[in-house]
C-alpha atoms as a PDB file:
ATOM      1  CA  UNK A   1       2.135  42.509  41.763  1.00  0.00           C
ATOM      2  CA  UNK A   2       3.032  39.969  43.873  1.00  0.00           C
ATOM      3  CA  UNK A   3       6.533  38.752  45.092  1.00  0.00           C
ATOM      4  CA  UNK A   4       8.571  35.739  45.429  1.00  0.00           C
ATOM      5  CA  UNK A   5       9.304  34.821  48.915  1.00  0.00           C
ATOM      6  CA  UNK A   6      13.229  34.305  49.496  1.00  0.00           C
ATOM      7  CA  UNK A   7      12.973  30.551  49.413  1.00  0.00           C
ATOM      8  CA  UNK A   8      11.245  30.577  46.195  1.00  0.00           C
ATOM      9  CA  UNK A   9      13.957  32.814  43.821  1.00  0.00           C
ATOM     10  CA  UNK A  10      15.426  29.928  42.857  1.00  0.00           C
ATOM     11  CA  UNK A  11      12.245  28.569  40.838  1.00  0.00           C
ATOM     12  CA  UNK A  12      12.190  31.886  39.060  1.00  0.00           C
ATOM     13  CA  UNK A  13      11.993  31.269  35.117  1.00  0.00           C
ATOM     14  CA  UNK A  14      13.981  33.524  33.297  1.00  0.00           C
ATOM     15  CA  UNK A  15      13.241  34.615  29.444  1.00  0.00           C
ATOM     16  CA  UNK A  16      16.907  32.973  28.565  1.00  0.00           C
ATOM     17  CA  UNK A  17      15.635  29.345  30.549  1.00  0.00           C
ATOM     18  CA  UNK A  18      12.371  29.563  28.471  1.00  0.00           C
ATOM     19  CA  UNK A  19      14.118  29.962  25.099  1.00  0.00           C
ATOM     20  CA  UNK A  20      16.702  26.891  26.370  1.00  0.00           C
ATOM     21  CA  UNK A  21      13.973  24.814  26.976  1.00  0.00           C
ATOM     22  CA  UNK A  22      12.512  25.805  23.050  1.00  0.00           C
ATOM     23  CA  UNK A  23      15.576  25.194  21.865  1.00  0.00           C
ATOM     24  CA  UNK A  24      16.129  21.815  23.625  1.00  0.00           C
ATOM     25  CA  UNK A  25      12.638  20.622  22.466  1.00  0.00           C
ATOM     26  CA  UNK A  26      13.016  21.321  19.014  1.00  0.00           C
ATOM     27  CA  UNK A  27      16.428  19.859  18.608  1.00  0.00           C
ATOM     28  CA  UNK A  28      14.747  16.529  20.282  1.00  0.00           C
ATOM     29  CA  UNK A  29      11.898  16.802  17.811  1.00  0.00           C
ATOM     30  CA  UNK A  30      14.542  16.829  14.806  1.00  0.00           C
ATOM     31  CA  UNK A  31      16.379  13.905  16.254  1.00  0.00           C
ATOM     32  CA  UNK A  32      13.001  12.164  17.032  1.00  0.00           C
ATOM     33  CA  UNK A  33      12.050  12.720  13.105  1.00  0.00           C
ATOM     34  CA  UNK A  34      15.536  11.602  12.203  1.00  0.00           C
ATOM     35  CA  UNK A  35      15.630   8.686  13.982  1.00  0.00           C
ATOM     36  CA  UNK A  36      12.089   7.261  12.731  1.00  0.00           C
ATOM     37  CA  UNK A  37      13.469   8.158   9.040  1.00  0.00           C
ATOM     38  CA  UNK A  38      16.622   6.394   9.663  1.00  0.00           C
ATOM     39  CA  UNK A  39      15.123   3.393  11.065  1.00  0.00           C
ATOM     40  CA  UNK A  40      12.462   3.165   7.684  1.00  0.00           C
ATOM     41  CA  UNK A  41      15.998   3.776   5.715  1.00  0.00           C
ATOM     42  CA  UNK A  42      17.836   0.824   7.092  1.00  0.00           C
ATOM     43  CA  UNK A  43      14.604  -1.682   7.930  1.00  0.00           C
ATOM     44  CA  UNK A  44      15.460  -3.396   4.573  1.00  0.00           C
ATOM     45  CA  UNK A  45      18.743  -3.675   3.159  1.00  0.00           C
ATOM     46  CA  UNK A  46      17.816  -4.445  -0.515  1.00  0.00           C
ATOM     47  CA  UNK A  47      15.232  -2.052  -2.054  1.00  0.00           C
ATOM     48  CA  UNK A  48      12.013  -3.175  -2.902  1.00  0.00           C
ATOM     49  CA  UNK A  49       9.674  -2.377  -5.874  1.00  0.00           C
ATOM     50  CA  UNK A  50       6.177  -3.316  -6.409  1.00  0.00           C
ATOM     51  CA  UNK A  51       6.936  -5.987  -8.758  1.00  0.00           C
ATOM     52  CA  UNK A  52       9.853  -7.449  -6.787  1.00  0.00           C
ATOM     53  CA  UNK A  53       7.962  -7.598  -3.506  1.00  0.00           C
ATOM     54  CA  UNK A  54       7.554 -11.222  -2.136  1.00  0.00           C
ATOM     55  CA  UNK A  55       4.004 -11.447  -1.144  1.00  0.00           C
ATOM     56  CA  UNK A  56       2.346 -14.884   0.606  1.00  0.00           C
ATOM     57  CA  UNK A  57      -0.594 -16.590  -1.588  1.00  0.00           C
ATOM     58  CA  UNK A  58      -3.897 -16.197  -0.496  1.00  0.00           C
ATOM     59  CA  UNK A  59      -5.225 -18.941  -2.129  1.00  0.00           C
ATOM     60  CA  UNK A  60      -2.587 -21.473  -1.270  1.00  0.00           C
ATOM     61  CA  UNK A  61       0.692 -22.171  -0.261  1.00  0.00           C
ATOM     62  CA  UNK A  62       3.847 -20.470  -1.110  1.00  0.00           C
ATOM     63  CA  UNK A  63       4.684 -16.936  -2.193  1.00  0.00           C
ATOM     64  CA  UNK A  64       4.704 -14.982  -5.368  1.00  0.00           C
ATOM     65  CA  UNK A  65       6.143 -11.670  -6.880  1.00  0.00           C
ATOM     66  CA  UNK A  66       4.241  -9.576  -9.756  1.00  0.00           C
ATOM     67  CA  UNK A  67       7.774 -10.031 -11.466  1.00  0.00           C
ATOM     68  CA  UNK A  68       6.783 -13.940 -11.913  1.00  0.00           C
ATOM     69  CA  UNK A  69       4.597 -12.772 -14.882  1.00  0.00           C
ATOM     70  CA  UNK A  70       7.209 -11.014 -16.540  1.00  0.00           C
ATOM     71  CA  UNK A  71       6.486 -10.794 -20.097  1.00  0.00           C
ATOM     72  CA  UNK A  72       2.746 -10.645 -19.904  1.00  0.00           C
ATOM     73  CA  UNK A  73       0.930  -7.538 -18.716  1.00  0.00           C
ATOM     74  CA  UNK A  74      -0.491  -7.581 -15.294  1.00  0.00           C
ATOM     75  CA  UNK A  75      -3.209  -6.180 -13.827  1.00  0.00           C
ATOM     76  CA  UNK A  76      -3.216  -6.034  -9.754  1.00  0.00           C
ATOM     77  CA  UNK A  77      -6.292  -5.069  -7.820  1.00  0.00           C
ATOM     78  CA  UNK A  78      -5.550  -4.335  -4.043  1.00  0.00           C
ATOM     79  CA  UNK A  79      -9.000  -5.208  -2.109  1.00  0.00           C
ATOM     80  CA  UNK A  80     -10.283  -5.727   1.142  1.00  0.00           C
ATOM     81  CA  UNK A  81     -13.264  -7.395   2.523  1.00  0.00           C
ATOM     82  CA  UNK A  82     -14.396  -4.242   4.232  1.00  0.00           C
ATOM     83  CA  UNK A  83     -14.450  -2.150   1.114  1.00  0.00           C
ATOM     84  CA  UNK A  84     -17.905  -1.518  -0.767  1.00  0.00           C
ATOM     85  CA  UNK A  85     -16.111  -0.689  -3.759  1.00  0.00           C
ATOM     86  CA  UNK A  86     -14.018  -3.319  -3.733  1.00  0.00           C
ATOM     87  CA  UNK A  87     -16.914  -5.885  -3.473  1.00  0.00           C
ATOM     88  CA  UNK A  88     -19.140  -3.911  -6.347  1.00  0.00           C
ATOM     89  CA  UNK A  89     -15.791  -4.264  -8.863  1.00  0.00           C
ATOM     90  CA  UNK A  90     -14.377  -7.426  -8.196  1.00  0.00           C
ATOM     91  CA  UNK A  91     -17.046  -9.346 -10.801  1.00  0.00           C
ATOM     92  CA  UNK A  92     -15.744  -7.072 -13.247  1.00  0.00           C
ATOM     93  CA  UNK A  93     -12.319  -8.287 -12.848  1.00  0.00           C
ATOM     94  CA  UNK A  94     -13.224 -11.990 -12.723  1.00  0.00           C
ATOM     95  CA  UNK A  95     -14.774 -11.354 -16.095  1.00  0.00           C
ATOM     96  CA  UNK A  96     -11.780  -9.502 -17.394  1.00  0.00           C
ATOM     97  CA  UNK A  97      -9.669 -12.449 -16.288  1.00  0.00           C
ATOM     98  CA  UNK A  98     -11.839 -14.961 -18.394  1.00  0.00           C
ATOM     99  CA  UNK A  99     -12.124 -12.706 -21.339  1.00  0.00           C
ATOM    100  CA  UNK A 100      -8.382 -11.576 -21.555  1.00  0.00           C
ATOM    101  CA  UNK A 101      -7.049 -15.009 -20.570  1.00  0.00           C
ATOM    102  CA  UNK A 102      -3.756 -15.802 -22.249  1.00  0.00           C
ATOM    103  CA  UNK A 103      -3.175 -12.065 -22.941  1.00  0.00           C
ATOM    104  CA  UNK A 104      -3.285 -10.252 -19.714  1.00  0.00           C
ATOM    105  CA  UNK A 105      -2.768 -11.876 -16.206  1.00  0.00           C
ATOM    106  CA  UNK A 106      -5.295 -10.368 -13.539  1.00  0.00           C
ATOM    107  CA  UNK A 107      -4.016 -10.793  -9.718  1.00  0.00           C
ATOM    108  CA  UNK A 108      -5.987 -10.127  -6.634  1.00  0.00           C
ATOM    109  CA  UNK A 109      -4.066  -8.971  -3.613  1.00  0.00           C
ATOM    110  CA  UNK A 110      -5.852  -8.698  -0.173  1.00  0.00           C
ATOM    111  CA  UNK A 111      -4.588  -5.506   1.531  1.00  0.00           C
ATOM    112  CA  UNK A 112      -5.013  -3.840   4.748  1.00  0.00           C
ATOM    113  CA  UNK A 113      -7.340  -6.820   5.855  1.00  0.00           C
ATOM    114  CA  UNK A 114      -7.514 -10.424   7.657  1.00  0.00           C
ATOM    115  CA  UNK A 115      -6.511 -12.925   5.225  1.00  0.00           C
ATOM    116  CA  UNK A 116      -9.428 -15.128   5.887  1.00  0.00           C
ATOM    117  CA  UNK A 117     -11.949 -12.556   5.369  1.00  0.00           C
ATOM    118  CA  UNK A 118     -10.414 -11.558   2.261  1.00  0.00           C
ATOM    119  CA  UNK A 119     -10.223 -15.198   1.136  1.00  0.00           C
ATOM    120  CA  UNK A 120     -13.847 -15.720   2.110  1.00  0.00           C
ATOM    121  CA  UNK A 121     -14.944 -12.424   0.045  1.00  0.00           C
ATOM    122  CA  UNK A 122     -13.128 -13.797  -2.983  1.00  0.00           C
ATOM    123  CA  UNK A 123     -14.622 -17.331  -2.733  1.00  0.00           C
ATOM    124  CA  UNK A 124     -18.145 -15.748  -2.196  1.00  0.00           C
ATOM    125  CA  UNK A 125     -17.533 -13.559  -5.116  1.00  0.00           C
ATOM    126  CA  UNK A 126     -16.207 -16.666  -7.467  1.00  0.00           C
ATOM    127  CA  UNK A 127     -13.186 -15.364  -8.041  1.00  0.00           C
ATOM    128  CA  UNK A 128     -10.693 -17.559  -9.997  1.00  0.00           C
ATOM    129  CA  UNK A 129      -7.730 -15.480 -10.822  1.00  0.00           C
ATOM    130  CA  UNK A 130      -4.512 -15.356  -8.428  1.00  0.00           C
ATOM    131  CA  UNK A 131      -4.840 -14.089  -5.102  1.00  0.00           C
ATOM    132  CA  UNK A 132      -1.903 -12.821  -2.901  1.00  0.00           C
ATOM    133  CA  UNK A 133      -1.779 -11.184   0.465  1.00  0.00           C
ATOM    134  CA  UNK A 134       0.021  -7.683   0.939  1.00  0.00           C
ATOM    135  CA  UNK A 135       2.750  -7.556   3.839  1.00  0.00           C
ATOM    136  CA  UNK A 136       1.636  -6.928   7.330  1.00  0.00           C
ATOM    137  CA  UNK A 137       2.972  -3.166   6.809  1.00  0.00           C
ATOM    138  CA  UNK A 138       0.714  -2.511   3.412  1.00  0.00           C
ATOM    139  CA  UNK A 139       4.262  -2.348   1.510  1.00  0.00           C
ATOM    140  CA  UNK A 140       2.621  -2.575  -1.598  1.00  0.00           C
ATOM    141  CA  UNK A 141      -0.050  -0.490  -1.020  1.00  0.00           C
ATOM    142  CA  UNK A 142       2.401   1.732  -0.095  1.00  0.00           C
ATOM    143  CA  UNK A 143       4.748   1.241  -3.393  1.00  0.00           C
ATOM    144  CA  UNK A 144       1.818   1.797  -5.520  1.00  0.00           C
ATOM    145  CA  UNK A 145       1.050   5.344  -3.608  1.00  0.00           C
ATOM    146  CA  UNK A 146      -2.259   4.229  -2.716  1.00  0.00           C
ATOM    147  CA  UNK A 147      -4.779   6.569  -1.587  1.00  0.00           C
ATOM    148  CA  UNK A 148      -8.127   4.872  -0.283  1.00  0.00           C
ATOM    149  CA  UNK A 149      -9.563   1.257  -1.419  1.00  0.00           C
ATOM    150  CA  UNK A 150      -9.319  -0.282  -4.044  1.00  0.00           C
ATOM    151  CA  UNK A 151      -6.423   0.268  -5.931  1.00  0.00           C
ATOM    152  CA  UNK A 152      -5.763  -1.153  -8.949  1.00  0.00           C
ATOM    153  CA  UNK A 153      -1.837  -1.162 -10.940  1.00  0.00           C
ATOM    154  CA  UNK A 154      -1.318  -1.772 -14.152  1.00  0.00           C
ATOM    155  CA  UNK A 155       2.063  -3.214 -15.164  1.00  0.00           C
ATOM    156  CA  UNK A 156       3.434  -3.635 -18.717  1.00  0.00           C
ATOM    157  CA  UNK A 157       5.366  -6.616 -20.181  1.00  0.00           C
ATOM    158  CA  UNK A 158       8.419  -5.000 -19.055  1.00  0.00           C
ATOM    159  CA  UNK A 159       7.784  -5.182 -15.656  1.00  0.00           C
ATOM    160  CA  UNK A 160       7.181  -1.218 -15.114  1.00  0.00           C
ATOM    161  CA  UNK A 161       4.440   0.189 -13.122  1.00  0.00           C
ATOM    162  CA  UNK A 162       2.339   1.980 -16.204  1.00  0.00           C
ATOM    163  CA  UNK A 163      -0.346   3.475 -13.930  1.00  0.00           C
ATOM    164  CA  UNK A 164      -1.839   2.914 -10.536  1.00  0.00           C
ATOM    165  CA  UNK A 165      -5.777   3.785 -10.072  1.00  0.00           C
ATOM    166  CA  UNK A 166      -7.180   4.812  -6.559  1.00  0.00           C
ATOM    167  CA  UNK A 167     -10.638   4.046  -6.465  1.00  0.00           C
ATOM    168  CA  UNK A 168     -13.607   1.913  -7.930  1.00  0.00           C
ATOM    169  CA  UNK A 169     -13.251   0.898 -11.763  1.00  0.00           C
ATOM    170  CA  UNK A 170     -16.700   0.258 -13.621  1.00  0.00           C
ATOM    171  CA  UNK A 171     -16.150  -2.612 -16.232  1.00  0.00           C
ATOM    172  CA  UNK A 172     -16.076  -0.079 -19.117  1.00  0.00           C
ATOM    173  CA  UNK A 173     -13.168   2.106 -17.570  1.00  0.00           C
ATOM    174  CA  UNK A 174     -11.268  -1.252 -16.662  1.00  0.00           C
ATOM    175  CA  UNK A 175     -11.661  -2.879 -20.124  1.00  0.00           C
ATOM    176  CA  UNK A 176     -10.244   0.521 -21.740  1.00  0.00           C
ATOM    177  CA  UNK A 177      -7.356   0.597 -19.483  1.00  0.00           C
ATOM    178  CA  UNK A 178      -6.475  -2.903 -19.996  1.00  0.00           C
ATOM    179  CA  UNK A 179      -6.637  -2.380 -23.883  1.00  0.00           C
ATOM    180  CA  UNK A 180      -4.185   0.895 -23.141  1.00  0.00           C
ATOM    181  CA  UNK A 181      -1.943  -1.517 -21.335  1.00  0.00           C
ATOM    182  CA  UNK A 182      -1.813  -3.911 -24.394  1.00  0.00           C
ATOM    183  CA  UNK A 183      -0.691  -1.411 -26.602  1.00  0.00           C
ATOM    184  CA  UNK A 184       2.675  -0.834 -25.052  1.00  0.00           C
END
């Protein structure tokens, strides 16, 4: 086995210096995670819920909150122009918005998309229900614990999210879930 030359003996790595290095790396990792979590905690001074989050209108000027329709059941469909399942289910949401008019509010929310593409898709499909834009960080999507796209939330008259559904809804299931929402 080789030997260190006298001028290189100071470079020799000992078992204890390896251990100290590993401990330092671990402590720095914990500090980094704590910093990220702390930042996310203090990023917003007021806690948000899915219904109180202020969202820009996609179909015109101004903003809206899902709580603005308090007292009326609300079905919120998060969609994106790049999502094939969104394209497939949106006509069923449009028909439901007409058939349940006055009893349920259908709201579309363009999420994880560019607003111009989301609006183009909605207009191409003849959507007439209100359209909003999720925040730049997809906060509504996160608050609803979305997994994939599309995501549909069913909000009761009291403003409570009764159900969040990830994935494409066919028209029969959409109507069944709306009818269940009307029972609350």
